[in-house]
PDB file of N, CA and C in Angstrom:
ATOM      1  N   UNK A   1       1.077  -1.035   0.166  1.00  0.00           N
ATOM      2  CA  UNK A   1       0.014   0.094  -0.232  1.00  0.00           C
ATOM      3  C   UNK A   1       1.002   1.439   0.032  1.00  0.00           C
ATOM      4  N   UNK A   2       1.949   1.241   1.109  1.00  0.00           N
ATOM      5  CA  UNK A   2       3.058   2.422   0.691  1.00  0.00           C
ATOM      6  C   UNK A   2       3.820   2.509  -0.250  1.00  0.00           C
ATOM      7  N   UNK A   3       3.740   1.595  -1.061  1.00  0.00           N
ATOM      8  CA  UNK A   3       4.397   1.464  -2.364  1.00  0.00           C
ATOM      9  C   UNK A   3       3.763   2.460  -3.561  1.00  0.00           C
ATOM     10  N   UNK A   4       2.606   2.020  -3.284  1.00  0.00           N
ATOM     11  CA  UNK A   4       1.505   2.639  -4.215  1.00  0.00           C
ATOM     12  C   UNK A   4       1.037   3.995  -4.028  1.00  0.00           C
ATOM     13  N   UNK A   5       0.675   4.321  -2.593  1.00  0.00           N
ATOM     14  CA  UNK A   5       1.046   5.885  -2.264  1.00  0.00           C
ATOM     15  C   UNK A   5       2.285   6.358  -2.824  1.00  0.00           C
ATOM     16  N   UNK A   6       3.327   5.884  -2.526  1.00  0.00           N
ATOM     17  CA  UNK A   6       4.672   6.646  -3.378  1.00  0.00           C
ATOM     18  C   UNK A   6       4.878   6.795  -4.433  1.00  0.00           C
ATOM     19  N   UNK A   7       4.075   6.074  -5.602  1.00  0.00           N
ATOM     20  CA  UNK A   7       4.054   5.942  -6.805  1.00  0.00           C
ATOM     21  C   UNK A   7       3.298   7.311  -7.064  1.00  0.00           C
ATOM     22  N   UNK A   8       2.322   7.106  -6.495  1.00  0.00           N
ATOM     23  CA  UNK A   8       0.949   8.001  -6.891  1.00  0.00           C
ATOM     24  C   UNK A   8       1.486   9.569  -6.643  1.00  0.00           C
ATOM     25  N   UNK A   9       2.278   9.915  -5.496  1.00  0.00           N
ATOM     26  CA  UNK A   9       2.776  11.314  -4.943  1.00  0.00           C
ATOM     27  C   UNK A   9       4.059  11.749  -5.963  1.00  0.00           C
ATOM     28  N   UNK A  10       4.714  10.043  -6.462  1.00  0.00           N
ATOM     29  CA  UNK A  10       6.202  10.745  -6.981  1.00  0.00           C
ATOM     30  C   UNK A  10       5.225  11.155  -8.662  1.00  0.00           C
ATOM     31  N   UNK A  11       4.242  10.501  -9.154  1.00  0.00           N
ATOM     32  CA  UNK A  11       3.617  10.751 -10.508  1.00  0.00           C
ATOM     33  C   UNK A  11       3.069  11.905 -10.321  1.00  0.00           C
ATOM     34  N   UNK A  12       2.630  12.539  -9.382  1.00  0.00           N
ATOM     35  CA  UNK A  12       1.635  13.874  -9.079  1.00  0.00           C
ATOM     36  C   UNK A  12       2.618  14.803  -9.122  1.00  0.00           C
ATOM     37  N   UNK A  13       3.853  14.750  -8.441  1.00  0.00           N
ATOM     38  CA  UNK A  13       4.744  15.688  -8.323  1.00  0.00           C
ATOM     39  C   UNK A  13       5.647  16.135  -9.804  1.00  0.00           C
ATOM     40  N   UNK A  14       5.658  14.533 -10.879  1.00  0.00           N
ATOM     41  CA  UNK A  14       6.137  14.700 -12.117  1.00  0.00           C
ATOM     42  C   UNK A  14       5.084  15.621 -12.511  1.00  0.00           C
ATOM     43  N   UNK A  15       3.779  15.314 -12.927  1.00  0.00           N
ATOM     44  CA  UNK A  15       2.792  16.233 -13.500  1.00  0.00           C
ATOM     45  C   UNK A  15       2.808  17.467 -13.401  1.00  0.00           C
ATOM     46  N   UNK A  16       2.906  18.153 -12.022  1.00  0.00           N
ATOM     47  CA  UNK A  16       3.038  19.264 -11.405  1.00  0.00           C
ATOM     48  C   UNK A  16       4.097  20.039 -12.046  1.00  0.00           C
ATOM     49  N   UNK A  17       5.028  19.384 -12.088  1.00  0.00           N
ATOM     50  CA  UNK A  17       6.485  20.099 -12.551  1.00  0.00           C
ATOM     51  C   UNK A  17       6.387  20.619 -13.964  1.00  0.00           C
ATOM     52  N   UNK A  18       6.071  19.568 -14.672  1.00  0.00           N
ATOM     53  CA  UNK A  18       5.999  19.466 -16.166  1.00  0.00           C
ATOM     54  C   UNK A  18       4.657  20.523 -16.528  1.00  0.00           C
ATOM     55  N   UNK A  19       3.614  20.517 -15.768  1.00  0.00           N
ATOM     56  CA  UNK A  19       2.338  21.417 -16.161  1.00  0.00           C
ATOM     57  C   UNK A  19       2.342  22.874 -15.819  1.00  0.00           C
ATOM     58  N   UNK A  20       3.333  22.808 -14.428  1.00  0.00           N
ATOM     59  CA  UNK A  20       3.056  24.402 -14.044  1.00  0.00           C
ATOM     60  C   UNK A  20       4.187  24.792 -13.838  1.00  0.00           C
ATOM     61  N   UNK A  21       5.429  24.177 -13.618  1.00  0.00           N
ATOM     62  CA  UNK A  21       6.991  24.639 -13.058  1.00  0.00           C
ATOM     63  C   UNK A  21       7.621  24.991 -14.068  1.00  0.00           C
ATOM     64  N   UNK A  22       7.784  23.887 -14.956  1.00  0.00           N
ATOM     65  CA  UNK A  22       8.789  24.329 -16.226  1.00  0.00           C
ATOM     66  C   UNK A  22       8.148  25.138 -17.369  1.00  0.00           C
ATOM     67  N   UNK A  23       9.027  25.862 -17.924  1.00  0.00           N
ATOM     68  CA  UNK A  23       8.519  26.515 -19.027  1.00  0.00           C
ATOM     69  C   UNK A  23       8.936  25.876 -20.248  1.00  0.00           C
ATOM     70  N   UNK A  24       8.255  26.387 -21.245  1.00  0.00           N
ATOM     71  CA  UNK A  24       8.751  25.491 -22.613  1.00  0.00           C
ATOM     72  C   UNK A  24       9.393  26.602 -23.028  1.00  0.00           C
ATOM     73  N   UNK A  25      10.750  25.888 -24.002  1.00  0.00           N
ATOM     74  CA  UNK A  25      11.698  26.804 -24.904  1.00  0.00           C
ATOM     75  C   UNK A  25      11.197  26.211 -26.237  1.00  0.00           C
ATOM     76  N   UNK A  26      11.672  27.336 -27.112  1.00  0.00           N
ATOM     77  CA  UNK A  26      11.301  27.154 -28.831  1.00  0.00           C
ATOM     78  C   UNK A  26      12.610  27.487 -29.325  1.00  0.00           C
ATOM     79  N   UNK A  27      12.803  27.079 -30.485  1.00  0.00           N
ATOM     80  CA  UNK A  27      13.963  27.749 -31.540  1.00  0.00           C
ATOM     81  C   UNK A  27      13.189  27.468 -32.939  1.00  0.00           C
ATOM     82  N   UNK A  28      13.943  28.032 -33.638  1.00  0.00           N
ATOM     83  CA  UNK A  28      13.383  28.140 -35.286  1.00  0.00           C
ATOM     84  C   UNK A  28      14.667  27.157 -36.190  1.00  0.00           C
ATOM     85  N   UNK A  29      13.921  26.412 -36.744  1.00  0.00           N
ATOM     86  CA  UNK A  29      14.844  25.355 -37.466  1.00  0.00           C
ATOM     87  C   UNK A  29      14.504  25.498 -39.271  1.00  0.00           C
ATOM     88  N   UNK A  30      15.470  25.858 -39.878  1.00  0.00           N
ATOM     89  CA  UNK A  30      14.744  25.923 -41.116  1.00  0.00           C
ATOM     90  C   UNK A  30      15.414  24.439 -42.130  1.00  0.00           C
ATOM     91  N   UNK A  31      14.696  23.882 -42.880  1.00  0.00           N
ATOM     92  CA  UNK A  31      14.863  22.562 -43.687  1.00  0.00           C
ATOM     93  C   UNK A  31      15.072  23.080 -45.048  1.00  0.00           C
ATOM     94  N   UNK A  32      15.808  22.247 -45.893  1.00  0.00           N
ATOM     95  CA  UNK A  32      15.849  22.202 -47.066  1.00  0.00           C
ATOM     96  C   UNK A  32      15.335  20.950 -48.078  1.00  0.00           C
ATOM     97  N   UNK A  33      13.854  21.253 -48.526  1.00  0.00           N
ATOM     98  CA  UNK A  33      13.266  20.145 -48.783  1.00  0.00           C
ATOM     99  C   UNK A  33      13.939  19.331 -49.868  1.00  0.00           C
ATOM    100  N   UNK A  34      14.806  19.777 -50.572  1.00  0.00           N
ATOM    101  CA  UNK A  34      15.579  19.164 -51.680  1.00  0.00           C
ATOM    102  C   UNK A  34      16.654  18.024 -50.943  1.00  0.00           C
ATOM    103  N   UNK A  35      17.907  18.944 -50.334  1.00  0.00           N
ATOM    104  CA  UNK A  35      18.754  17.828 -49.642  1.00  0.00           C
ATOM    105  C   UNK A  35      18.659  17.388 -48.474  1.00  0.00           C
ATOM    106  N   UNK A  36      17.609  18.177 -47.612  1.00  0.00           N
ATOM    107  CA  UNK A  36      17.226  17.551 -46.360  1.00  0.00           C
ATOM    108  C   UNK A  36      17.944  18.326 -45.471  1.00  0.00           C
ATOM    109  N   UNK A  37      18.919  18.950 -45.724  1.00  0.00           N
ATOM    110  CA  UNK A  37      19.854  19.563 -44.461  1.00  0.00           C
ATOM    111  C   UNK A  37      18.928  20.436 -43.593  1.00  0.00           C
ATOM    112  N   UNK A  38      19.488  20.671 -42.401  1.00  0.00           N
ATOM    113  CA  UNK A  38      18.498  21.251 -41.436  1.00  0.00           C
ATOM    114  C   UNK A  38      19.564  22.136 -40.834  1.00  0.00           C
ATOM    115  N   UNK A  39      19.416  23.411 -40.467  1.00  0.00           N
ATOM    116  CA  UNK A  39      20.088  24.499 -39.866  1.00  0.00           C
ATOM    117  C   UNK A  39      19.308  25.247 -39.290  1.00  0.00           C
ATOM    118  N   UNK A  40      19.778  25.959 -37.948  1.00  0.00           N
ATOM    119  CA  UNK A  40      18.901  26.833 -36.972  1.00  0.00           C
ATOM    120  C   UNK A  40      19.447  27.870 -36.751  1.00  0.00           C
ATOM    121  N   UNK A  41      18.682  28.952 -36.428  1.00  0.00           N
ATOM    122  CA  UNK A  41      18.965  30.190 -36.338  1.00  0.00           C
ATOM    123  C   UNK A  41      19.439  30.346 -35.329  1.00  0.00           C
ATOM    124  N   UNK A  42      20.779  31.101 -35.646  1.00  0.00           N
ATOM    125  CA  UNK A  42      21.740  31.339 -34.270  1.00  0.00           C
ATOM    126  C   UNK A  42      22.034  33.016 -33.910  1.00  0.00           C
ATOM    127  N   UNK A  43      21.622  33.662 -35.182  1.00  0.00           N
ATOM    128  CA  UNK A  43      21.892  35.223 -35.061  1.00  0.00           C
ATOM    129  C   UNK A  43      20.723  36.020 -35.734  1.00  0.00           C
ATOM    130  N   UNK A  44      20.520  36.953 -35.146  1.00  0.00           N
ATOM    131  CA  UNK A  44      19.676  38.201 -36.085  1.00  0.00           C
ATOM    132  C   UNK A  44      20.213  39.356 -35.981  1.00  0.00           C
ATOM    133  N   UNK A  45      20.754  40.185 -36.990  1.00  0.00           N
ATOM    134  CA  UNK A  45      20.968  41.611 -37.065  1.00  0.00           C
ATOM    135  C   UNK A  45      19.985  42.540 -37.545  1.00  0.00           C
ATOM    136  N   UNK A  46      19.454  43.146 -36.544  1.00  0.00           N
ATOM    137  CA  UNK A  46      18.264  44.039 -37.082  1.00  0.00           C
ATOM    138  C   UNK A  46      18.769  45.192 -38.039  1.00  0.00           C
ATOM    139  N   UNK A  47      19.609  45.623 -37.683  1.00  0.00           N
ATOM    140  CA  UNK A  47      20.144  46.772 -38.385  1.00  0.00           C
ATOM    141  C   UNK A  47      20.673  46.454 -39.876  1.00  0.00           C
ATOM    142  N   UNK A  48      21.266  45.226 -39.696  1.00  0.00           N
ATOM    143  CA  UNK A  48      21.790  44.998 -41.302  1.00  0.00           C
ATOM    144  C   UNK A  48      20.725  44.151 -41.978  1.00  0.00           C
ATOM    145  N   UNK A  49      19.826  43.778 -41.426  1.00  0.00           N
ATOM    146  CA  UNK A  49      18.819  42.849 -41.798  1.00  0.00           C
ATOM    147  C   UNK A  49      19.302  41.511 -42.323  1.00  0.00           C
ATOM    148  N   UNK A  50      20.100  40.830 -41.591  1.00  0.00           N
ATOM    149  CA  UNK A  50      20.823  39.546 -41.768  1.00  0.00           C
ATOM    150  C   UNK A  50      20.333  38.823 -41.161  1.00  0.00           C
ATOM    151  N   UNK A  51      20.418  37.210 -41.268  1.00  0.00           N
ATOM    152  CA  UNK A  51      20.438  36.135 -40.458  1.00  0.00           C
ATOM    153  C   UNK A  51      21.724  35.256 -40.305  1.00  0.00           C
ATOM    154  N   UNK A  52      21.916  34.951 -39.318  1.00  0.00           N
ATOM    155  CA  UNK A  52      23.121  33.747 -39.469  1.00  0.00           C
ATOM    156  C   UNK A  52      22.414  32.762 -38.817  1.00  0.00           C
ATOM    157  N   UNK A  53      23.040  31.462 -39.556  1.00  0.00           N
ATOM    158  CA  UNK A  53      22.357  30.218 -39.153  1.00  0.00           C
ATOM    159  C   UNK A  53      23.746  29.138 -38.630  1.00  0.00           C
ATOM    160  N   UNK A  54      23.332  28.190 -38.306  1.00  0.00           N
ATOM    161  CA  UNK A  54      24.112  27.055 -37.864  1.00  0.00           C
ATOM    162  C   UNK A  54      23.597  25.944 -37.873  1.00  0.00           C
ATOM    163  N   UNK A  55      24.479  24.754 -38.525  1.00  0.00           N
ATOM    164  CA  UNK A  55      24.174  23.519 -38.299  1.00  0.00           C
ATOM    165  C   UNK A  55      24.330  22.544 -37.243  1.00  0.00           C
ATOM    166  N   UNK A  56      24.753  23.517 -36.131  1.00  0.00           N
ATOM    167  CA  UNK A  56      25.044  22.800 -34.478  1.00  0.00           C
ATOM    168  C   UNK A  56      23.388  23.249 -33.552  1.00  0.00           C
ATOM    169  N   UNK A  57      22.752  22.172 -33.309  1.00  0.00           N
ATOM    170  CA  UNK A  57      21.454  22.512 -32.976  1.00  0.00           C
ATOM    171  C   UNK A  57      21.629  23.166 -31.565  1.00  0.00           C
ATOM    172  N   UNK A  58      22.811  22.812 -31.133  1.00  0.00           N
ATOM    173  CA  UNK A  58      23.166  23.427 -29.459  1.00  0.00           C
ATOM    174  C   UNK A  58      23.509  24.787 -29.546  1.00  0.00           C
ATOM    175  N   UNK A  59      23.888  25.338 -30.989  1.00  0.00           N
ATOM    176  CA  UNK A  59      24.138  26.660 -30.970  1.00  0.00           C
ATOM    177  C   UNK A  59      22.855  27.781 -31.062  1.00  0.00           C
ATOM    178  N   UNK A  60      21.876  26.885 -31.471  1.00  0.00           N
ATOM    179  CA  UNK A  60      20.801  27.892 -32.107  1.00  0.00           C
ATOM    180  C   UNK A  60      20.464  28.767 -30.811  1.00  0.00           C
ATOM    181  N   UNK A  61      19.759  29.870 -31.460  1.00  0.00           N
ATOM    182  CA  UNK A  61      18.528  31.088 -30.555  1.00  0.00           C
ATOM    183  C   UNK A  61      17.788  29.986 -30.114  1.00  0.00           C
ATOM    184  N   UNK A  62      17.586  30.195 -28.366  1.00  0.00           N
ATOM    185  CA  UNK A  62      16.437  29.799 -27.668  1.00  0.00           C
ATOM    186  C   UNK A  62      15.540  30.832 -27.453  1.00  0.00           C
ATOM    187  N   UNK A  63      14.141  30.942 -27.512  1.00  0.00           N
ATOM    188  CA  UNK A  63      13.178  31.575 -27.269  1.00  0.00           C
ATOM    189  C   UNK A  63      12.382  30.948 -26.007  1.00  0.00           C
ATOM    190  N   UNK A  64      12.123  31.855 -25.263  1.00  0.00           N
ATOM    191  CA  UNK A  64      11.167  31.263 -23.844  1.00  0.00           C
ATOM    192  C   UNK A  64      10.083  31.789 -24.388  1.00  0.00           C
ATOM    193  N   UNK A  65       9.747  32.569 -25.500  1.00  0.00           N
ATOM    194  CA  UNK A  65       7.898  32.821 -25.703  1.00  0.00           C
ATOM    195  C   UNK A  65       7.822  32.294 -27.144  1.00  0.00           C
ATOM    196  N   UNK A  66       6.734  31.777 -27.228  1.00  0.00           N
ATOM    197  CA  UNK A  66       6.521  31.012 -28.186  1.00  0.00           C
ATOM    198  C   UNK A  66       6.030  31.930 -29.810  1.00  0.00           C
ATOM    199  N   UNK A  67       5.569  33.116 -29.180  1.00  0.00           N
ATOM    200  CA  UNK A  67       5.130  34.309 -30.449  1.00  0.00           C
ATOM    201  C   UNK A  67       6.694  35.010 -30.721  1.00  0.00           C
ATOM    202  N   UNK A  68       7.236  35.190 -30.014  1.00  0.00           N
ATOM    203  CA  UNK A  68       8.753  35.634 -30.627  1.00  0.00           C
ATOM    204  C   UNK A  68       9.093  34.623 -31.389  1.00  0.00           C
ATOM    205  N   UNK A  69       9.582  32.999 -31.210  1.00  0.00           N
ATOM    206  CA  UNK A  69       9.905  32.446 -32.076  1.00  0.00           C
ATOM    207  C   UNK A  69       8.907  32.522 -33.539  1.00  0.00           C
ATOM    208  N   UNK A  70       7.826  32.722 -33.357  1.00  0.00           N
ATOM    209  CA  UNK A  70       7.152  32.742 -34.498  1.00  0.00           C
ATOM    210  C   UNK A  70       7.073  33.643 -35.285  1.00  0.00           C
ATOM    211  N   UNK A  71       7.177  34.998 -34.548  1.00  0.00           N
ATOM    212  CA  UNK A  71       7.546  35.855 -35.291  1.00  0.00           C
ATOM    213  C   UNK A  71       8.996  35.769 -36.318  1.00  0.00           C
ATOM    214  N   UNK A  72      10.030  35.399 -35.627  1.00  0.00           N
ATOM    215  CA  UNK A  72      11.065  35.357 -36.197  1.00  0.00           C
ATOM    216  C   UNK A  72      10.879  34.054 -37.395  1.00  0.00           C
ATOM    217  N   UNK A  73      10.298  33.396 -37.281  1.00  0.00           N
ATOM    218  CA  UNK A  73      10.115  32.368 -38.304  1.00  0.00           C
ATOM    219  C   UNK A  73       9.558  32.974 -39.649  1.00  0.00           C
ATOM    220  N   UNK A  74       8.520  33.871 -39.242  1.00  0.00           N
ATOM    221  CA  UNK A  74       7.783  34.353 -40.320  1.00  0.00           C
ATOM    222  C   UNK A  74       8.589  35.805 -41.041  1.00  0.00           C
ATOM    223  N   UNK A  75       9.586  36.227 -40.511  1.00  0.00           N
ATOM    224  CA  UNK A  75      10.522  36.982 -41.078  1.00  0.00           C
ATOM    225  C   UNK A  75      11.797  36.682 -41.824  1.00  0.00           C
ATOM    226  N   UNK A  76      11.719  35.507 -41.742  1.00  0.00           N
ATOM    227  CA  UNK A  76      13.066  34.685 -42.466  1.00  0.00           C
ATOM    228  C   UNK A  76      12.398  34.686 -44.229  1.00  0.00           C
ATOM    229  N   UNK A  77      13.666  34.653 -45.190  1.00  0.00           N
ATOM    230  CA  UNK A  77      12.977  34.634 -46.539  1.00  0.00           C
ATOM    231  C   UNK A  77      12.202  33.626 -46.602  1.00  0.00           C
ATOM    232  N   UNK A  78      10.768  33.703 -47.602  1.00  0.00           N
ATOM    233  CA  UNK A  78       9.996  32.805 -47.944  1.00  0.00           C
ATOM    234  C   UNK A  78      10.376  31.696 -48.782  1.00  0.00           C
ATOM    235  N   UNK A  79      11.664  31.918 -49.461  1.00  0.00           N
ATOM    236  CA  UNK A  79      12.235  30.642 -50.167  1.00  0.00           C
ATOM    237  C   UNK A  79      12.770  29.357 -48.871  1.00  0.00           C
ATOM    238  N   UNK A  80      12.741  29.810 -48.093  1.00  0.00           N
ATOM    239  CA  UNK A  80      13.100  29.123 -46.850  1.00  0.00           C
ATOM    240  C   UNK A  80      12.099  28.261 -45.688  1.00  0.00           C
ATOM    241  N   UNK A  81      12.020  27.050 -45.626  1.00  0.00           N
ATOM    242  CA  UNK A  81      10.709  26.411 -45.018  1.00  0.00           C
ATOM    243  C   UNK A  81      11.182  26.362 -43.707  1.00  0.00           C
ATOM    244  N   UNK A  82      10.678  26.856 -42.904  1.00  0.00           N
ATOM    245  CA  UNK A  82      10.771  27.205 -41.430  1.00  0.00           C
ATOM    246  C   UNK A  82       9.945  26.353 -40.409  1.00  0.00           C
ATOM    247  N   UNK A  83      10.575  25.900 -39.499  1.00  0.00           N
ATOM    248  CA  UNK A  83       9.652  25.054 -38.117  1.00  0.00           C
ATOM    249  C   UNK A  83      10.234  25.391 -37.204  1.00  0.00           C
ATOM    250  N   UNK A  84       9.065  25.356 -36.240  1.00  0.00           N
ATOM    251  CA  UNK A  84       9.471  25.853 -34.925  1.00  0.00           C
ATOM    252  C   UNK A  84       9.270  24.702 -34.286  1.00  0.00           C
ATOM    253  N   UNK A  85       9.982  24.467 -33.496  1.00  0.00           N
ATOM    254  CA  UNK A  85      10.452  23.495 -31.990  1.00  0.00           C
ATOM    255  C   UNK A  85      10.074  23.758 -30.793  1.00  0.00           C
ATOM    256  N   UNK A  86       9.687  22.722 -30.098  1.00  0.00           N
ATOM    257  CA  UNK A  86       9.438  23.258 -28.679  1.00  0.00           C
ATOM    258  C   UNK A  86      10.461  21.850 -28.098  1.00  0.00           C
ATOM    259  N   UNK A  87      10.942  22.353 -26.890  1.00  0.00           N
ATOM    260  CA  UNK A  87      11.554  21.501 -25.775  1.00  0.00           C
ATOM    261  C   UNK A  87      10.431  20.579 -25.284  1.00  0.00           C
ATOM    262  N   UNK A  88      10.600  19.543 -24.838  1.00  0.00           N
ATOM    263  CA  UNK A  88       9.733  18.725 -24.118  1.00  0.00           C
ATOM    264  C   UNK A  88      10.896  17.815 -23.118  1.00  0.00           C
ATOM    265  N   UNK A  89      10.211  17.030 -22.368  1.00  0.00           N
ATOM    266  CA  UNK A  89      10.992  16.318 -21.500  1.00  0.00           C
ATOM    267  C   UNK A  89      11.900  15.183 -22.554  1.00  0.00           C
ATOM    268  N   UNK A  90      11.160  14.810 -23.268  1.00  0.00           N
ATOM    269  CA  UNK A  90      12.084  13.687 -24.103  1.00  0.00           C
ATOM    270  C   UNK A  90      12.893  14.688 -24.954  1.00  0.00           C
ATOM    271  N   UNK A  91      12.923  15.505 -25.253  1.00  0.00           N
ATOM    272  CA  UNK A  91      13.867  16.300 -26.268  1.00  0.00           C
ATOM    273  C   UNK A  91      12.906  17.525 -27.179  1.00  0.00           C
ATOM    274  N   UNK A  92      13.495  17.550 -28.570  1.00  0.00           N
ATOM    275  CA  UNK A  92      13.143  18.948 -29.146  1.00  0.00           C
ATOM    276  C   UNK A  92      12.094  18.085 -30.183  1.00  0.00           C
ATOM    277  N   UNK A  93      10.748  18.661 -30.033  1.00  0.00           N
ATOM    278  CA  UNK A  93       9.903  18.035 -31.090  1.00  0.00           C
ATOM    279  C   UNK A  93       9.752  19.244 -31.986  1.00  0.00           C
ATOM    280  N   UNK A  94       8.845  19.086 -33.266  1.00  0.00           N
ATOM    281  CA  UNK A  94       8.376  20.048 -34.137  1.00  0.00           C
ATOM    282  C   UNK A  94       6.948  20.323 -33.737  1.00  0.00           C
ATOM    283  N   UNK A  95       7.029  21.876 -33.347  1.00  0.00           N
ATOM    284  CA  UNK A  95       5.627  22.383 -33.083  1.00  0.00           C
ATOM    285  C   UNK A  95       4.395  21.703 -34.033  1.00  0.00           C
ATOM    286  N   UNK A  96       3.454  20.992 -33.881  1.00  0.00           N
ATOM    287  CA  UNK A  96       2.283  20.492 -34.773  1.00  0.00           C
ATOM    288  C   UNK A  96       1.504  21.507 -35.311  1.00  0.00           C
ATOM    289  N   UNK A  97       1.581  22.692 -35.090  1.00  0.00           N
ATOM    290  CA  UNK A  97       0.882  23.622 -36.193  1.00  0.00           C
ATOM    291  C   UNK A  97      -0.400  24.235 -35.383  1.00  0.00           C
ATOM    292  N   UNK A  98      -0.977  23.740 -34.350  1.00  0.00           N
ATOM    293  CA  UNK A  98      -1.866  23.934 -33.615  1.00  0.00           C
ATOM    294  C   UNK A  98      -2.240  25.136 -33.243  1.00  0.00           C
ATOM    295  N   UNK A  99      -0.916  26.047 -33.127  1.00  0.00           N
ATOM    296  CA  UNK A  99      -1.015  27.196 -32.294  1.00  0.00           C
ATOM    297  C   UNK A  99      -0.022  27.353 -31.116  1.00  0.00           C
ATOM    298  N   UNK A 100       0.390  28.350 -30.785  1.00  0.00           N
ATOM    299  CA  UNK A 100       1.033  28.605 -29.416  1.00  0.00           C
ATOM    300  C   UNK A 100       0.317  28.492 -28.328  1.00  0.00           C
TER     301      UNK A 100
END
């Protein structure tokens, strides 16, 4: 009985942490539909209106706000396919397009 109670408490704690405490993180990925190469947005120069990309996913710009990530994905040139990724407990996943 005490083992079951322990598992319920641990499960409840994990649920509360993932639902209310942990903040989501977002990043913008660009994919080339022909070659399949993936790059991530790493730097934006607002004055020179230029973007820098990286093939190292750990060097990507991380956004704490989904609307900001969506804004940057929209201002990237139209000939580049963009995808917003969200960090879950299991790793980075593509945002499914159902809104932020």
